N, C-alpha and C. Protein backbone atom coordinates (compact mmCIF):
# COMPACT_ATOMS: atom_id res chain seq x y z
N MET A 1 -6.16 37.79 -12.74
CA MET A 1 -7.33 37.17 -12.13
C MET A 1 -7.31 35.99 -11.37
N LYS A 2 -7.98 36.21 -10.26
CA LYS A 2 -8.04 34.71 -9.53
C LYS A 2 -9.24 34.04 -9.65
N LEU A 3 -8.94 32.75 -9.91
CA LEU A 3 -9.95 31.60 -10.27
C LEU A 3 -10.85 31.74 -9.01
N PHE A 4 -10.29 31.50 -8.02
CA PHE A 4 -11.07 30.94 -6.58
C PHE A 4 -10.75 32.04 -5.76
N ASN A 5 -11.85 32.40 -4.55
CA ASN A 5 -11.42 33.12 -3.33
C ASN A 5 -10.59 32.57 -2.55
N LYS A 6 -9.92 32.87 -1.26
CA LYS A 6 -9.41 32.17 -0.76
C LYS A 6 -9.81 31.08 0.16
N TYR A 7 -11.20 31.13 0.43
CA TYR A 7 -12.00 30.02 1.20
C TYR A 7 -12.06 28.74 0.34
N ILE A 8 -12.43 29.15 -0.65
CA ILE A 8 -12.60 27.86 -1.75
C ILE A 8 -11.07 27.38 -2.02
N SER A 9 -10.28 28.03 -2.37
CA SER A 9 -9.01 27.47 -2.20
C SER A 9 -8.41 26.64 -1.22
N PHE A 10 -8.62 26.89 0.02
CA PHE A 10 -8.49 26.38 1.28
C PHE A 10 -9.31 25.03 1.55
N SER A 11 -10.51 25.44 0.99
CA SER A 11 -11.34 23.91 1.23
C SER A 11 -10.97 22.83 0.07
N VAL A 12 -10.32 23.11 -1.09
CA VAL A 12 -10.21 22.34 -1.71
C VAL A 12 -8.65 21.32 -1.30
N ILE A 13 -7.79 22.46 -0.79
CA ILE A 13 -6.58 21.63 -0.07
C ILE A 13 -7.00 20.73 0.99
N VAL A 14 -8.00 21.28 1.85
CA VAL A 14 -8.36 20.34 2.83
C VAL A 14 -9.31 19.08 2.31
N ILE A 15 -9.93 19.06 1.04
CA ILE A 15 -10.65 18.05 0.81
C ILE A 15 -9.44 17.18 0.15
N LEU A 16 -8.48 17.87 -0.48
CA LEU A 16 -7.25 16.87 -0.85
C LEU A 16 -6.51 15.98 0.11
N LEU A 17 -6.55 16.79 1.16
CA LEU A 17 -5.83 16.14 2.28
C LEU A 17 -6.79 15.05 2.75
N ALA A 18 -7.95 14.97 2.87
CA ALA A 18 -8.70 14.05 3.49
C ALA A 18 -8.71 12.78 2.51
N ILE A 19 -8.84 12.97 1.09
CA ILE A 19 -8.35 11.98 0.10
C ILE A 19 -6.91 11.33 0.62
N MET A 20 -6.18 12.14 0.73
CA MET A 20 -4.78 11.46 1.14
C MET A 20 -4.90 10.74 2.52
N ASP A 21 -5.68 11.37 3.40
CA ASP A 21 -5.78 10.17 4.61
C ASP A 21 -6.32 9.05 4.31
N GLY A 22 -7.72 9.27 3.67
CA GLY A 22 -8.53 7.74 3.09
C GLY A 22 -7.81 6.86 2.47
N ILE A 23 -6.69 7.47 1.55
CA ILE A 23 -5.98 6.46 0.75
C ILE A 23 -4.80 5.53 1.62
N ASN A 24 -4.55 6.45 2.66
CA ASN A 24 -3.30 5.88 3.26
C ASN A 24 -3.71 5.09 4.52
N PHE A 25 -4.85 5.16 5.14
CA PHE A 25 -5.79 4.81 5.91
C PHE A 25 -6.14 3.58 5.74
N VAL A 26 -6.39 2.88 4.61
CA VAL A 26 -7.17 2.03 4.14
C VAL A 26 -6.29 0.65 4.87
N MET A 27 -5.33 0.78 4.74
CA MET A 27 -4.49 -0.83 5.30
C MET A 27 -3.79 -0.32 6.62
N PRO A 28 -3.95 -1.07 7.67
CA PRO A 28 -3.60 -0.97 9.30
C PRO A 28 -1.91 -0.80 8.95
N HIS A 29 -1.47 -0.01 9.65
CA HIS A 29 -0.13 -0.02 9.93
C HIS A 29 0.29 -0.05 11.49
N ASN A 30 1.78 -0.09 11.58
CA ASN A 30 2.18 -0.32 12.92
C ASN A 30 1.82 0.78 13.78
N ASN A 31 2.13 0.69 15.17
CA ASN A 31 1.65 1.95 16.16
C ASN A 31 2.98 2.49 16.44
N GLY A 32 2.90 3.66 16.89
CA GLY A 32 3.99 4.82 17.14
C GLY A 32 4.05 5.95 16.52
N PHE A 33 4.97 6.82 16.69
CA PHE A 33 4.83 8.32 16.09
C PHE A 33 5.01 8.37 14.85
N PHE A 34 5.77 7.33 14.23
CA PHE A 34 6.08 7.45 12.62
C PHE A 34 5.60 6.36 12.22
N SER A 35 3.90 6.20 12.51
CA SER A 35 3.28 5.22 11.88
C SER A 35 1.91 6.55 10.97
N LEU A 36 1.20 5.22 10.58
CA LEU A 36 0.02 6.31 9.64
C LEU A 36 -1.23 6.07 10.64
N THR A 37 -1.20 5.46 11.72
CA THR A 37 -2.27 5.20 12.34
C THR A 37 -2.62 6.12 13.45
N TYR A 38 -3.24 5.74 14.72
CA TYR A 38 -3.44 6.80 15.61
C TYR A 38 -2.17 7.52 16.54
N GLY A 39 -1.21 6.64 16.15
CA GLY A 39 0.13 7.40 17.20
C GLY A 39 0.40 6.72 18.58
N LEU A 40 0.65 7.61 19.31
CA LEU A 40 0.86 7.61 20.57
C LEU A 40 -0.57 7.01 21.40
N ASP A 41 -1.11 6.13 21.27
CA ASP A 41 -2.16 5.68 22.01
C ASP A 41 -3.61 6.26 21.95
N LYS A 42 -3.63 6.66 20.43
CA LYS A 42 -4.90 7.11 19.78
C LYS A 42 -5.02 8.79 20.38
N LEU A 43 -3.94 9.44 20.49
CA LEU A 43 -3.77 10.78 20.89
C LEU A 43 -3.94 11.76 19.57
N TRP A 44 -3.59 11.31 18.65
CA TRP A 44 -3.26 11.91 17.20
C TRP A 44 -1.85 12.59 17.33
N LEU A 45 -1.13 12.14 18.22
CA LEU A 45 0.33 12.69 18.23
C LEU A 45 1.09 11.70 17.50
N ASP A 46 1.32 11.95 16.21
CA ASP A 46 2.10 11.26 15.36
C ASP A 46 2.83 12.06 14.00
N ALA A 47 3.85 11.62 13.49
CA ALA A 47 4.39 12.29 12.52
C ALA A 47 3.46 12.84 11.51
N TRP A 48 2.49 11.91 11.20
CA TRP A 48 1.46 12.37 10.24
C TRP A 48 0.53 13.15 10.27
N HIS A 49 -0.23 13.18 11.61
CA HIS A 49 -1.03 14.22 11.72
C HIS A 49 -0.34 15.55 12.39
N THR A 50 0.94 15.65 12.76
CA THR A 50 1.66 16.63 13.08
C THR A 50 2.22 17.47 12.12
N ALA A 51 2.54 16.71 11.05
CA ALA A 51 2.93 17.47 9.44
C ALA A 51 1.87 17.94 9.09
N LYS A 52 0.59 17.12 8.84
CA LYS A 52 -0.58 18.03 8.43
C LYS A 52 -0.63 19.07 8.97
N ILE A 53 -1.01 19.16 10.05
CA ILE A 53 -1.45 20.28 10.96
C ILE A 53 -0.35 21.32 10.62
N LEU A 54 0.76 21.26 10.50
CA LEU A 54 1.77 22.21 10.38
C LEU A 54 1.27 22.73 8.79
N MET A 55 1.19 21.74 7.99
CA MET A 55 1.14 22.56 6.83
C MET A 55 -0.08 23.29 6.55
N LEU A 56 -1.15 22.78 7.20
CA LEU A 56 -2.32 23.59 7.04
C LEU A 56 -2.20 24.84 7.83
N LEU A 57 -1.64 25.08 8.93
CA LEU A 57 -1.28 26.22 9.51
C LEU A 57 -0.46 27.08 8.68
N ILE A 58 0.69 26.41 7.95
CA ILE A 58 1.64 27.17 6.93
C ILE A 58 0.69 27.88 5.92
N ILE A 59 -0.13 27.12 5.35
CA ILE A 59 -1.12 27.56 4.38
C ILE A 59 -2.17 28.39 4.80
N ALA A 60 -2.59 28.56 6.02
CA ALA A 60 -3.69 29.35 6.15
C ALA A 60 -2.90 30.62 6.61
N VAL A 61 -1.67 30.51 7.12
CA VAL A 61 -1.16 31.87 7.40
C VAL A 61 -0.70 32.61 6.14
N GLN A 62 -0.26 31.99 5.10
CA GLN A 62 -0.14 32.52 3.87
C GLN A 62 -1.16 32.95 3.19
N PHE A 63 -2.35 32.44 3.39
CA PHE A 63 -3.80 32.88 2.38
C PHE A 63 -4.01 34.33 3.57
N MET A 64 -3.97 34.03 4.51
CA MET A 64 -4.79 35.03 5.43
C MET A 64 -4.12 36.10 6.39
N TRP A 65 -2.98 36.07 6.84
CA TRP A 65 -2.34 37.07 7.30
C TRP A 65 -2.20 38.07 6.51
N VAL A 66 -2.51 39.56 7.12
CA VAL A 66 -2.68 40.38 6.55
C VAL A 66 -1.97 41.65 7.63
N LYS A 67 -1.42 42.86 6.97
CA LYS A 67 -0.86 43.69 7.81
C LYS A 67 -2.32 44.51 8.34
N ASP A 68 -2.90 43.89 9.09
CA ASP A 68 -3.81 44.31 9.97
C ASP A 68 -3.76 44.37 11.34
N LYS A 69 -4.88 44.04 12.33
CA LYS A 69 -4.98 44.04 13.58
C LYS A 69 -4.86 42.29 13.79
N TRP A 70 -3.93 42.12 14.83
CA TRP A 70 -4.01 40.50 15.10
C TRP A 70 -5.35 39.86 15.55
N GLN A 71 -6.17 40.55 15.85
CA GLN A 71 -7.43 40.08 16.28
C GLN A 71 -8.40 39.71 14.91
N THR A 72 -8.20 40.31 13.90
CA THR A 72 -9.03 39.99 12.51
C THR A 72 -8.05 38.87 12.15
N ASN A 73 -6.59 38.68 12.12
CA ASN A 73 -6.14 37.57 11.68
C ASN A 73 -6.65 36.47 12.27
N MET A 74 -6.63 36.42 13.70
CA MET A 74 -7.12 35.15 14.52
C MET A 74 -8.26 34.92 13.81
N LEU A 75 -9.35 35.61 14.15
CA LEU A 75 -10.59 35.44 13.33
C LEU A 75 -10.71 34.75 11.99
N ARG A 76 -9.68 35.00 11.07
CA ARG A 76 -9.59 34.51 9.72
C ARG A 76 -9.17 33.13 9.86
N LEU A 77 -8.10 32.78 10.66
CA LEU A 77 -7.47 31.81 11.30
C LEU A 77 -8.40 30.67 11.74
N CYS A 78 -9.22 31.10 12.68
CA CYS A 78 -10.25 30.27 13.16
C CYS A 78 -11.53 29.80 12.21
N ALA A 79 -11.69 30.55 11.43
CA ALA A 79 -12.65 30.32 10.08
C ALA A 79 -11.94 29.39 9.26
N LEU A 80 -10.58 29.31 8.87
CA LEU A 80 -9.96 28.43 8.37
C LEU A 80 -10.10 26.91 8.98
N GLY A 81 -9.92 26.96 10.38
CA GLY A 81 -9.79 26.00 11.15
C GLY A 81 -11.21 25.16 11.29
N VAL A 82 -12.44 25.90 11.27
CA VAL A 82 -13.53 25.27 11.15
C VAL A 82 -13.74 24.64 9.86
N ILE A 83 -13.31 25.69 8.61
CA ILE A 83 -13.41 24.69 7.50
C ILE A 83 -12.72 23.31 7.13
N ALA A 84 -11.49 23.32 7.90
CA ALA A 84 -10.52 22.30 7.88
C ALA A 84 -11.18 21.08 8.44
N TYR A 85 -11.74 21.43 9.67
CA TYR A 85 -12.78 20.29 10.73
C TYR A 85 -13.77 19.88 9.94
N ILE A 86 -14.64 20.46 9.32
CA ILE A 86 -15.85 20.31 8.58
C ILE A 86 -15.48 19.62 7.60
N GLY A 87 -14.36 20.15 6.58
CA GLY A 87 -14.41 19.52 5.33
C GLY A 87 -13.60 18.07 5.31
N GLN A 88 -12.72 17.81 6.71
CA GLN A 88 -12.15 16.48 6.82
C GLN A 88 -13.09 15.55 7.53
N LEU A 89 -14.16 16.12 8.32
CA LEU A 89 -15.41 15.20 8.79
C LEU A 89 -16.24 14.65 7.74
N LEU A 90 -16.59 15.53 6.74
CA LEU A 90 -17.49 15.20 5.72
C LEU A 90 -17.00 14.34 4.73
N VAL A 91 -15.74 14.59 3.91
CA VAL A 91 -14.81 13.79 3.15
C VAL A 91 -14.30 12.58 3.45
N TYR A 92 -13.77 12.63 4.79
CA TYR A 92 -13.15 11.06 5.16
C TYR A 92 -14.08 10.43 5.63
N ASN A 93 -14.99 10.72 6.70
CA ASN A 93 -16.02 10.10 7.39
C ASN A 93 -17.02 9.40 6.42
N PHE A 94 -17.51 10.26 5.69
CA PHE A 94 -18.88 9.91 4.43
C PHE A 94 -18.21 9.15 3.03
N LEU A 95 -17.05 9.51 2.68
CA LEU A 95 -16.56 8.96 1.77
C LEU A 95 -15.58 7.62 1.91
N PHE A 96 -14.83 7.67 2.54
CA PHE A 96 -13.70 6.57 3.05
C PHE A 96 -14.50 5.67 4.31
N LYS A 97 -14.86 5.92 5.24
CA LYS A 97 -15.42 5.34 6.57
C LYS A 97 -17.10 5.01 6.44
N LEU A 98 -17.67 5.59 5.50
CA LEU A 98 -19.10 5.42 5.26
C LEU A 98 -19.51 5.48 6.67
N GLU A 99 -19.67 6.27 7.46
CA GLU A 99 -20.31 6.28 8.45
C GLU A 99 -20.85 7.72 8.90
N VAL A 100 -21.84 8.02 9.82
CA VAL A 100 -22.54 9.01 9.98
C VAL A 100 -21.95 9.84 11.48
N LEU A 101 -21.91 10.91 11.29
CA LEU A 101 -21.10 12.03 12.48
C LEU A 101 -21.56 11.34 13.48
């Protein structure tokens, strides 16, 4: 028996990653690809965000990819992308940065 459906499980993972971001971004760090801040001139192109995006993509594919049409698989992955974006904005911005969208 499953305790949560796939969307709730993915939402919990996103919230935990947002909490991880808030804890790690409290203190300023150096700049560059292997930093914990904005990376290469605020493009979000750094090791931290790249690893995080890859983790979410792997988790999303494991949760949602079924032997079905590729169009429905892409729609499922887009739905998870929206959940990840909204979850990150809500938890990280409101809980740690205390600012309004």
